PDB file of N, CA and C in Angstrom:
ATOM      1  N   MET A   1       3.071 -47.815   0.948  1.00  0.00           N
ATOM      2  CA  MET A   1       4.340 -48.150   0.361  1.00  0.00           C
ATOM      3  C   MET A   1       5.189 -46.896   0.166  1.00  0.00           C
ATOM      4  N   LEU A   2       4.558 -45.802  -0.218  1.00  0.00           N
ATOM      5  CA  LEU A   2       5.294 -44.554  -0.412  1.00  0.00           C
ATOM      6  C   LEU A   2       5.910 -44.080   0.899  1.00  0.00           C
ATOM      7  N   PHE A   3       5.204 -44.290   2.008  1.00  0.00           N
ATOM      8  CA  PHE A   3       5.743 -43.891   3.305  1.00  0.00           C
ATOM      9  C   PHE A   3       6.984 -44.694   3.646  1.00  0.00           C
ATOM     10  N   ASN A   4       6.974 -45.979   3.344  1.00  0.00           N
ATOM     11  CA  ASN A   4       8.136 -46.820   3.628  1.00  0.00           C
ATOM     12  C   ASN A   4       9.340 -46.404   2.802  1.00  0.00           C
ATOM     13  N   ILE A   5       9.122 -46.049   1.558  1.00  0.00           N
ATOM     14  CA  ILE A   5      10.216 -45.605   0.704  1.00  0.00           C
ATOM     15  C   ILE A   5      10.772 -44.278   1.196  1.00  0.00           C
ATOM     16  N   SER A   6       9.894 -43.389   1.624  1.00  0.00           N
ATOM     17  CA  SER A   6      10.348 -42.069   2.063  1.00  0.00           C
ATOM     18  C   SER A   6      11.133 -42.118   3.367  1.00  0.00           C
ATOM     19  N   LEU A   7      11.043 -43.211   4.112  1.00  0.00           N
ATOM     20  CA  LEU A   7      11.815 -43.333   5.352  1.00  0.00           C
ATOM     21  C   LEU A   7      13.318 -43.302   5.101  1.00  0.00           C
ATOM     22  N   LYS A   8      13.739 -43.634   3.900  1.00  0.00           N
ATOM     23  CA  LYS A   8      15.163 -43.574   3.574  1.00  0.00           C
ATOM     24  C   LYS A   8      15.658 -42.138   3.516  1.00  0.00           C
ATOM     25  N   TYR A   9      14.775 -41.197   3.204  1.00  0.00           N
ATOM     26  CA  TYR A   9      15.184 -39.830   2.927  1.00  0.00           C
ATOM     27  C   TYR A   9      14.702 -38.803   3.942  1.00  0.00           C
ATOM     28  N   VAL A  10      13.652 -39.129   4.706  1.00  0.00           N
ATOM     29  CA  VAL A  10      13.048 -38.169   5.631  1.00  0.00           C
ATOM     30  C   VAL A  10      12.973 -38.791   7.014  1.00  0.00           C
ATOM     31  N   ASP A  11      13.057 -37.954   8.030  1.00  0.00           N
ATOM     32  CA  ASP A  11      12.958 -38.399   9.418  1.00  0.00           C
ATOM     33  C   ASP A  11      11.589 -39.031   9.687  1.00  0.00           C
ATOM     34  N   ALA A  12      11.567 -40.093  10.452  1.00  0.00           N
ATOM     35  CA  ALA A  12      10.326 -40.820  10.731  1.00  0.00           C
ATOM     36  C   ALA A  12       9.295 -39.947  11.448  1.00  0.00           C
ATOM     37  N   THR A  13       9.748 -39.011  12.272  1.00  0.00           N
ATOM     38  CA  THR A  13       8.825 -38.130  12.978  1.00  0.00           C
ATOM     39  C   THR A  13       8.064 -37.235  12.002  1.00  0.00           C
ATOM     40  N   LYS A  14       8.749 -36.743  10.990  1.00  0.00           N
ATOM     41  CA  LYS A  14       8.091 -35.889   9.999  1.00  0.00           C
ATOM     42  C   LYS A  14       7.079 -36.689   9.182  1.00  0.00           C
ATOM     43  N   ILE A  15       7.403 -37.921   8.868  1.00  0.00           N
ATOM     44  CA  ILE A  15       6.469 -38.761   8.123  1.00  0.00           C
ATOM     45  C   ILE A  15       5.239 -39.051   8.973  1.00  0.00           C
ATOM     46  N   ALA A  16       5.440 -39.332  10.258  1.00  0.00           N
ATOM     47  CA  ALA A  16       4.320 -39.619  11.148  1.00  0.00           C
ATOM     48  C   ALA A  16       3.394 -38.407  11.261  1.00  0.00           C
ATOM     49  N   MET A  17       3.964 -37.213  11.328  1.00  0.00           N
ATOM     50  CA  MET A  17       3.136 -36.012  11.401  1.00  0.00           C
ATOM     51  C   MET A  17       2.391 -35.782  10.089  1.00  0.00           C
ATOM     52  N   SER A  18       2.978 -36.161   8.981  1.00  0.00           N
ATOM     53  CA  SER A  18       2.299 -36.028   7.692  1.00  0.00           C
ATOM     54  C   SER A  18       1.108 -36.977   7.591  1.00  0.00           C
ATOM     55  N   VAL A  19       1.240 -38.150   8.178  1.00  0.00           N
ATOM     56  CA  VAL A  19       0.159 -39.141   8.144  1.00  0.00           C
ATOM     57  C   VAL A  19      -1.055 -38.635   8.927  1.00  0.00           C
ATOM     58  N   VAL A  20      -0.833 -37.789   9.919  1.00  0.00           N
ATOM     59  CA  VAL A  20      -1.929 -37.240  10.710  1.00  0.00           C
ATOM     60  C   VAL A  20      -2.880 -36.428   9.828  1.00  0.00           C
ATOM     61  N   ALA A  21      -2.368 -35.842   8.762  1.00  0.00           N
ATOM     62  CA  ALA A  21      -3.198 -35.020   7.877  1.00  0.00           C
ATOM     63  C   ALA A  21      -4.052 -35.849   6.932  1.00  0.00           C
ATOM     64  N   GLU A  22      -3.817 -37.125   6.843  1.00  0.00           N
ATOM     65  CA  GLU A  22      -4.537 -37.972   5.887  1.00  0.00           C
ATOM     66  C   GLU A  22      -6.056 -37.932   6.055  1.00  0.00           C
ATOM     67  N   PRO A  23      -6.619 -38.047   7.263  1.00  0.00           N
ATOM     68  CA  PRO A  23      -8.087 -37.964   7.384  1.00  0.00           C
ATOM     69  C   PRO A  23      -8.648 -36.602   6.990  1.00  0.00           C
ATOM     70  N   VAL A  24      -7.900 -35.543   7.256  1.00  0.00           N
ATOM     71  CA  VAL A  24      -8.361 -34.205   6.884  1.00  0.00           C
ATOM     72  C   VAL A  24      -8.410 -34.086   5.362  1.00  0.00           C
ATOM     73  N   ILE A  25      -7.378 -34.578   4.704  1.00  0.00           N
ATOM     74  CA  ILE A  25      -7.336 -34.532   3.242  1.00  0.00           C
ATOM     75  C   ILE A  25      -8.445 -35.402   2.647  1.00  0.00           C
ATOM     76  N   ALA A  26      -8.660 -36.576   3.228  1.00  0.00           N
ATOM     77  CA  ALA A  26      -9.722 -37.457   2.738  1.00  0.00           C
ATOM     78  C   ALA A  26     -11.098 -36.806   2.894  1.00  0.00           C
ATOM     79  N   THR A  27     -11.315 -36.109   3.996  1.00  0.00           N
ATOM     80  CA  THR A  27     -12.581 -35.415   4.211  1.00  0.00           C
ATOM     81  C   THR A  27     -12.766 -34.296   3.201  1.00  0.00           C
ATOM     82  N   PHE A  28     -11.704 -33.543   2.938  1.00  0.00           N
ATOM     83  CA  PHE A  28     -11.769 -32.468   1.958  1.00  0.00           C
ATOM     84  C   PHE A  28     -12.059 -33.015   0.558  1.00  0.00           C
ATOM     85  N   LEU A  29     -11.415 -34.122   0.204  1.00  0.00           N
ATOM     86  CA  LEU A  29     -11.674 -34.740  -1.101  1.00  0.00           C
ATOM     87  C   LEU A  29     -13.105 -35.267  -1.202  1.00  0.00           C
ATOM     88  N   ALA A  30     -13.635 -35.801  -0.102  1.00  0.00           N
ATOM     89  CA  ALA A  30     -15.020 -36.271  -0.101  1.00  0.00           C
ATOM     90  C   ALA A  30     -15.979 -35.103  -0.299  1.00  0.00           C
ATOM     91  N   LEU A  31     -15.654 -33.959   0.263  1.00  0.00           N
ATOM     92  CA  LEU A  31     -16.473 -32.769   0.078  1.00  0.00           C
ATOM     93  C   LEU A  31     -16.465 -32.337  -1.389  1.00  0.00           C
ATOM     94  N   ILE A  32     -15.299 -32.289  -1.977  1.00  0.00           N
ATOM     95  CA  ILE A  32     -15.157 -31.809  -3.352  1.00  0.00           C
ATOM     96  C   ILE A  32     -15.681 -32.826  -4.370  1.00  0.00           C
ATOM     97  N   LEU A  33     -15.238 -34.068  -4.250  1.00  0.00           N
ATOM     98  CA  LEU A  33     -15.533 -35.066  -5.281  1.00  0.00           C
ATOM     99  C   LEU A  33     -16.889 -35.738  -5.126  1.00  0.00           C
ATOM    100  N   LEU A  34     -17.308 -35.962  -3.886  1.00  0.00           N
ATOM    101  CA  LEU A  34     -18.533 -36.723  -3.649  1.00  0.00           C
ATOM    102  C   LEU A  34     -19.689 -35.880  -3.134  1.00  0.00           C
ATOM    103  N   GLY A  35     -19.416 -34.626  -2.822  1.00  0.00           N
ATOM    104  CA  GLY A  35     -20.475 -33.765  -2.321  1.00  0.00           C
ATOM    105  C   GLY A  35     -20.918 -34.098  -0.910  1.00  0.00           C
ATOM    106  N   GLU A  36     -20.056 -34.709  -0.130  1.00  0.00           N
ATOM    107  CA  GLU A  36     -20.385 -35.067   1.255  1.00  0.00           C
ATOM    108  C   GLU A  36     -20.534 -33.810   2.104  1.00  0.00           C
ATOM    109  N   ALA A  37     -21.402 -33.869   3.079  1.00  0.00           N
ATOM    110  CA  ALA A  37     -21.590 -32.751   4.006  1.00  0.00           C
ATOM    111  C   ALA A  37     -20.554 -32.842   5.124  1.00  0.00           C
ATOM    112  N   ILE A  38     -20.035 -31.694   5.506  1.00  0.00           N
ATOM    113  CA  ILE A  38     -19.057 -31.642   6.598  1.00  0.00           C
ATOM    114  C   ILE A  38     -19.661 -30.786   7.706  1.00  0.00           C
ATOM    115  N   GLY A  39     -19.654 -31.338   8.903  1.00  0.00           N
ATOM    116  CA  GLY A  39     -20.217 -30.625  10.044  1.00  0.00           C
ATOM    117  C   GLY A  39     -19.246 -29.606  10.619  1.00  0.00           C
ATOM    118  N   THR A  40     -19.775 -28.789  11.501  1.00  0.00           N
ATOM    119  CA  THR A  40     -18.967 -27.746  12.132  1.00  0.00           C
ATOM    120  C   THR A  40     -17.826 -28.341  12.953  1.00  0.00           C
ATOM    121  N   MET A  41     -18.125 -29.389  13.694  1.00  0.00           N
ATOM    122  CA  MET A  41     -17.092 -30.005  14.520  1.00  0.00           C
ATOM    123  C   MET A  41     -15.991 -30.631  13.660  1.00  0.00           C
ATOM    124  N   GLN A  42     -16.367 -31.177  12.513  1.00  0.00           N
ATOM    125  CA  GLN A  42     -15.357 -31.729  11.603  1.00  0.00           C
ATOM    126  C   GLN A  42     -14.452 -30.625  11.073  1.00  0.00           C
ATOM    127  N   MET A  43     -15.039 -29.491  10.737  1.00  0.00           N
ATOM    128  CA  MET A  43     -14.235 -28.358  10.250  1.00  0.00           C
ATOM    129  C   MET A  43     -13.287 -27.852  11.338  1.00  0.00           C
ATOM    130  N   ILE A  44     -13.798 -27.735  12.544  1.00  0.00           N
ATOM    131  CA  ILE A  44     -12.967 -27.269  13.651  1.00  0.00           C
ATOM    132  C   ILE A  44     -11.834 -28.260  13.908  1.00  0.00           C
ATOM    133  N   GLY A  45     -12.157 -29.537  13.919  1.00  0.00           N
ATOM    134  CA  GLY A  45     -11.131 -30.558  14.119  1.00  0.00           C
ATOM    135  C   GLY A  45     -10.086 -30.547  13.021  1.00  0.00           C
ATOM    136  N   GLY A  46     -10.512 -30.351  11.787  1.00  0.00           N
ATOM    137  CA  GLY A  46      -9.576 -30.297  10.675  1.00  0.00           C
ATOM    138  C   GLY A  46      -8.638 -29.105  10.770  1.00  0.00           C
ATOM    139  N   VAL A  47      -9.197 -27.953  11.153  1.00  0.00           N
ATOM    140  CA  VAL A  47      -8.371 -26.749  11.307  1.00  0.00           C
ATOM    141  C   VAL A  47      -7.364 -26.932  12.434  1.00  0.00           C
ATOM    142  N   ILE A  48      -7.799 -27.498  13.546  1.00  0.00           N
ATOM    143  CA  ILE A  48      -6.888 -27.729  14.668  1.00  0.00           C
ATOM    144  C   ILE A  48      -5.785 -28.707  14.271  1.00  0.00           C
ATOM    145  N   THR A  49      -6.153 -29.760  13.549  1.00  0.00           N
ATOM    146  CA  THR A  49      -5.166 -30.745  13.101  1.00  0.00           C
ATOM    147  C   THR A  49      -4.142 -30.113  12.169  1.00  0.00           C
ATOM    148  N   LEU A  50      -4.614 -29.368  11.181  1.00  0.00           N
ATOM    149  CA  LEU A  50      -3.691 -28.732  10.237  1.00  0.00           C
ATOM    150  C   LEU A  50      -2.838 -27.663  10.915  1.00  0.00           C
ATOM    151  N   ALA A  51      -3.397 -26.964  11.895  1.00  0.00           N
ATOM    152  CA  ALA A  51      -2.615 -25.972  12.637  1.00  0.00           C
ATOM    153  C   ALA A  51      -1.503 -26.649  13.433  1.00  0.00           C
ATOM    154  N   GLY A  52      -1.809 -27.777  14.046  1.00  0.00           N
ATOM    155  CA  GLY A  52      -0.783 -28.512  14.782  1.00  0.00           C
ATOM    156  C   GLY A  52       0.335 -29.006  13.883  1.00  0.00           C
ATOM    157  N   ILE A  53      -0.027 -29.497  12.714  1.00  0.00           N
ATOM    158  CA  ILE A  53       0.980 -29.951  11.754  1.00  0.00           C
ATOM    159  C   ILE A  53       1.827 -28.774  11.278  1.00  0.00           C
ATOM    160  N   ALA A  54       1.187 -27.632  11.012  1.00  0.00           N
ATOM    161  CA  ALA A  54       1.917 -26.442  10.574  1.00  0.00           C
ATOM    162  C   ALA A  54       2.887 -25.966  11.645  1.00  0.00           C
ATOM    163  N   ILE A  55       2.457 -25.970  12.882  1.00  0.00           N
ATOM    164  CA  ILE A  55       3.343 -25.570  13.980  1.00  0.00           C
ATOM    165  C   ILE A  55       4.539 -26.509  14.061  1.00  0.00           C
ATOM    166  N   PHE A  56       4.302 -27.789  13.909  1.00  0.00           N
ATOM    167  CA  PHE A  56       5.389 -28.760  13.964  1.00  0.00           C
ATOM    168  C   PHE A  56       6.421 -28.503  12.871  1.00  0.00           C
ATOM    169  N   PHE A  57       5.960 -28.283  11.641  1.00  0.00           N
ATOM    170  CA  PHE A  57       6.878 -28.131  10.522  1.00  0.00           C
ATOM    171  C   PHE A  57       7.492 -26.734  10.424  1.00  0.00           C
ATOM    172  N   LEU A  58       6.807 -25.713  10.893  1.00  0.00           N
ATOM    173  CA  LEU A  58       7.292 -24.347  10.726  1.00  0.00           C
ATOM    174  C   LEU A  58       7.996 -23.778  11.949  1.00  0.00           C
ATOM    175  N   ASN A  59       8.167 -24.544  12.995  1.00  0.00           N
ATOM    176  CA  ASN A  59       8.801 -24.064  14.209  1.00  0.00           C
ATOM    177  C   ASN A  59      10.208 -24.640  14.334  1.00  0.00           C
ATOM    178  N   PRO A  60      11.193 -24.050  13.653  1.00  0.00           N
ATOM    179  CA  PRO A  60      12.544 -24.595  13.723  1.00  0.00           C
ATOM    180  C   PRO A  60      13.291 -24.196  14.990  1.00  0.00           C
ATOM    181  N   SER A  61      12.744 -23.283  15.797  1.00  0.00           N
ATOM    182  CA  SER A  61      13.458 -22.817  16.976  1.00  0.00           C
ATOM    183  C   SER A  61      13.574 -23.894  18.050  1.00  0.00           C
ATOM    184  N   LYS A  62      12.628 -24.795  18.087  1.00  0.00           N
ATOM    185  CA  LYS A  62      12.692 -25.882  19.055  1.00  0.00           C
ATOM    186  C   LYS A  62      13.354 -27.074  18.387  1.00  0.00           C
ATOM    187  N   LYS A  63      14.495 -27.431  18.875  1.00  0.00           N
ATOM    188  CA  LYS A  63      15.201 -28.570  18.304  1.00  0.00           C
ATOM    189  C   LYS A  63      14.719 -29.835  18.994  1.00  0.00           C
ATOM    190  N   ARG A  64      14.449 -30.821  18.186  1.00  0.00           N
ATOM    191  CA  ARG A  64      14.004 -32.100  18.715  1.00  0.00           C
ATOM    192  C   ARG A  64      15.202 -33.027  18.771  1.00  0.00           C
ATOM    193  N   HIS A  65      15.507 -33.476  19.957  1.00  0.00           N
ATOM    194  CA  HIS A  65      16.667 -34.341  20.148  1.00  0.00           C
ATOM    195  C   HIS A  65      16.229 -35.778  20.324  1.00  0.00           C
ATOM    196  N   VAL A  66      16.976 -36.663  19.727  1.00  0.00           N
ATOM    197  CA  VAL A  66      16.725 -38.084  19.886  1.00  0.00           C
ATOM    198  C   VAL A  66      17.722 -38.592  20.913  1.00  0.00           C
ATOM    199  N   ILE A  67      17.202 -39.221  21.933  1.00  0.00           N
ATOM    200  CA  ILE A  67      18.063 -39.764  22.976  1.00  0.00           C
ATOM    201  C   ILE A  67      18.558 -41.127  22.512  1.00  0.00           C
ATOM    202  N   GLN A  68      19.846 -41.265  22.465  1.00  0.00           N
ATOM    203  CA  GLN A  68      20.436 -42.524  22.023  1.00  0.00           C
ATOM    204  C   GLN A  68      20.944 -43.271  23.248  1.00  0.00           C
ATOM    205  N   ASN A  69      20.681 -44.551  23.256  1.00  0.00           N
ATOM    206  CA  ASN A  69      21.165 -45.387  24.341  1.00  0.00           C
ATOM    207  C   ASN A  69      22.630 -45.707  24.086  1.00  0.00           C
ATOM    208  N   GLU A  70      23.459 -45.402  25.064  1.00  0.00           N
ATOM    209  CA  GLU A  70      24.869 -45.720  24.938  1.00  0.00           C
ATOM    210  C   GLU A  70      25.127 -46.980  25.730  1.00  0.00           C
ATOM    211  N   LYS A  71      25.701 -47.930  25.053  1.00  0.00           N
ATOM    212  CA  LYS A  71      26.027 -49.187  25.713  1.00  0.00           C
ATOM    213  C   LYS A  71      27.526 -49.199  25.991  1.00  0.00           C
ATOM    214  N   THR A  72      27.865 -49.474  27.214  1.00  0.00           N
ATOM    215  CA  THR A  72      29.285 -49.562  27.554  1.00  0.00           C
ATOM    216  C   THR A  72      29.669 -51.020  27.616  1.00  0.00           C
ATOM    217  N   ILE A  73      30.784 -51.303  27.043  1.00  0.00           N
ATOM    218  CA  ILE A  73      31.281 -52.682  27.035  1.00  0.00           C
ATOM    219  C   ILE A  73      32.293 -52.813  28.147  1.00  0.00           C
ATOM    220  N   THR A  74      32.040 -53.751  29.047  1.00  0.00           N
ATOM    221  CA  THR A  74      32.961 -53.959  30.155  1.00  0.00           C
ATOM    222  C   THR A  74      33.625 -55.291  30.075  1.00  0.00           C
TER     223      THR A  74
END
């Protein structure tokens, strides 16, 4: 529900990239709160995921353009 509300204020692409971090955060919380074991591959995957999200949010030099369909009325 929070994601739907935030669509009014934030670009949908940024929200979608934020949702990608949800499994990483859930795994980290399971480690802290429940004492779950995390394997090496899970750690590597989490780091790669968070690095990709960081690159997306911190790289303002590449502008992302939305292609709009123009309809001509004849």
